Amino acid sequence: MKLSDLDSLPKDESGPVFAEPWEAQAFAMAVKLNDAGVFTWSEWAETLGAEIRAEPDRAYYDSWLAALERLVEAKGLISTSERLGRIQDWDAAARATPHGKPIELSRSLPARGTAR
């Protein structure tokens, strides 16, 4: 993959521009999954384009994350229920974390009756 392949990627002369750490992490996950052969760059571009077209007013990296979620589910890396469960876990951890502290999933309460 080359950054020049990503025309709509927010970037400046030194490379990608990320407003939040999660955006860089989502970017890196997509690159790593592509490098690992989980999906082709064509599949990625098609999926990201579909997400952008579906919600054109959505922030770019929100579309990036939606495309990543769609592809990892389609490829069987995670199920929809697992993804939704992780979102619930993250939300619970965020609510349990004092302002200004790093969010740790271990701060969340056990989800769906499971022990941690």
Protein backbone atom coordinates (compact mmCIF):
# COMPACT_ATOMS: atom_id res chain seq x y z
CA MET A 1 0.00 0.00 0.00
CA LYS A 2 1.16 3.52 -0.75
CA LEU A 3 -0.26 6.69 0.81
CA SER A 4 -0.63 8.07 -2.70
CA ASP A 5 -3.29 5.37 -3.22
CA LEU A 6 -5.48 7.09 -0.63
CA ASP A 7 -6.64 10.29 -2.30
CA SER A 8 -9.24 11.18 0.33
CA LEU A 9 -7.00 10.39 3.33
CA PRO A 10 -6.57 13.48 5.52
CA LYS A 11 -2.86 14.27 5.16
CA ASP A 12 -0.30 17.02 4.95
CA GLU A 13 3.14 17.11 3.34
CA SER A 14 4.59 14.79 6.02
CA GLY A 15 1.88 12.10 5.87
CA PRO A 16 -1.48 11.15 7.39
CA VAL A 17 -3.11 13.58 9.81
CA PHE A 18 -5.02 12.18 12.75
CA ALA A 19 -7.20 14.26 15.08
CA GLU A 20 -7.41 11.52 17.72
CA PRO A 21 -5.25 8.51 18.67
CA TRP A 22 -8.03 6.06 17.75
CA GLU A 23 -7.90 7.31 14.16
CA ALA A 24 -4.23 6.38 13.88
CA GLN A 25 -4.97 3.02 15.48
CA ALA A 26 -7.81 2.29 13.05
CA PHE A 27 -5.55 3.31 10.17
CA ALA A 28 -2.78 1.00 11.42
CA MET A 29 -5.18 -1.92 11.90
CA ALA A 30 -6.43 -1.63 8.33
CA VAL A 31 -2.88 -1.47 6.98
CA LYS A 32 -1.78 -4.49 9.07
CA LEU A 33 -4.82 -6.57 8.07
CA ASN A 34 -4.17 -5.73 4.44
CA ASP A 35 -0.49 -6.65 4.84
CA ALA A 36 -1.55 -9.95 6.45
CA GLY A 37 -3.75 -10.77 3.44
CA VAL A 38 -7.05 -10.57 5.32
CA PHE A 39 -8.46 -8.34 2.58
CA THR A 40 -7.15 -6.86 -0.62
CA TRP A 41 -6.63 -3.17 -1.14
CA SER A 42 -9.42 -3.28 -3.75
CA GLU A 43 -11.80 -4.78 -1.18
CA TRP A 44 -10.79 -2.09 1.29
CA ALA A 45 -11.30 0.74 -1.21
CA GLU A 46 -14.70 -0.64 -2.25
CA THR A 47 -15.87 -1.05 1.35
CA LEU A 48 -14.60 2.37 2.46
CA GLY A 49 -16.17 4.00 -0.58
CA ALA A 50 -19.51 2.34 0.20
CA GLU A 51 -19.36 3.59 3.79
CA ILE A 52 -18.58 7.14 2.65
CA ARG A 53 -21.41 7.06 0.10
CA ALA A 54 -23.83 5.63 2.69
CA GLU A 55 -23.19 8.50 5.11
CA PRO A 56 -21.46 11.34 3.26
CA ASP A 57 -21.66 13.72 6.25
CA ARG A 58 -19.95 11.26 8.59
CA ALA A 59 -16.36 12.11 9.59
CA TYR A 60 -13.75 10.41 7.41
CA TYR A 61 -12.26 8.17 10.10
CA ASP A 62 -15.72 7.21 11.35
CA SER A 63 -16.28 5.83 7.84
CA TRP A 64 -12.83 4.22 8.00
CA LEU A 65 -13.78 2.47 11.26
CA ALA A 66 -17.17 1.38 9.86
CA ALA A 67 -15.42 -0.11 6.82
CA LEU A 68 -12.92 -1.89 9.04
CA GLU A 69 -15.71 -3.33 11.20
CA ARG A 70 -17.65 -4.47 8.14
CA LEU A 71 -14.63 -6.23 6.63
CA VAL A 72 -13.48 -8.01 9.79
CA GLU A 73 -17.02 -9.29 10.29
CA ALA A 74 -17.32 -10.36 6.64
CA LYS A 75 -13.99 -12.19 6.88
CA GLY A 76 -15.08 -14.01 10.05
CA LEU A 77 -12.48 -12.42 12.34
CA ILE A 78 -15.20 -11.26 14.72
CA SER A 79 -18.95 -11.75 14.86
CA THR A 80 -21.48 -8.95 15.05
CA SER A 81 -22.37 -9.94 18.62
CA GLU A 82 -18.67 -9.94 19.62
CA ARG A 83 -18.18 -6.50 18.07
CA LEU A 84 -21.24 -5.10 19.80
CA GLY A 85 -20.11 -6.66 23.08
CA ARG A 86 -16.72 -4.99 22.78
CA ILE A 87 -18.42 -1.65 22.16
CA GLN A 88 -20.46 -2.16 25.35
CA ASP A 89 -17.30 -3.13 27.25
CA TRP A 90 -15.49 -0.04 25.99
CA ASP A 91 -18.41 2.24 26.90
CA ALA A 92 -18.57 0.75 30.40
CA ALA A 93 -14.82 1.18 30.85
CA ALA A 94 -14.99 4.78 29.64
CA ARG A 95 -17.76 5.56 32.13
CA ALA A 96 -15.74 3.98 34.95
CA THR A 97 -12.54 5.86 34.12
CA PRO A 98 -11.82 9.20 35.82
CA HIS A 99 -11.47 12.15 33.45
CA GLY A 100 -7.98 12.48 32.06
CA LYS A 101 -6.96 8.89 32.85
CA PRO A 102 -6.34 6.22 30.19
CA ILE A 103 -9.32 3.99 29.52
CA GLU A 104 -8.65 0.36 30.37
CA LEU A 105 -11.12 -2.35 29.46
CA SER A 106 -10.40 -4.02 32.80
CA ARG A 107 -12.26 -1.08 34.41
CA SER A 108 -15.53 -2.24 32.90
CA LEU A 109 -17.94 -4.45 34.71
CA PRO A 110 -18.18 -8.05 33.51
CA ALA A 111 -20.33 -8.00 30.41
CA ARG A 112 -23.05 -10.48 29.53
CA GLY A 113 -22.53 -12.57 32.65
CA THR A 114 -18.87 -13.38 32.01
CA ALA A 115 -16.07 -13.15 34.54
CA ARG A 116 -12.93 -11.17 33.87
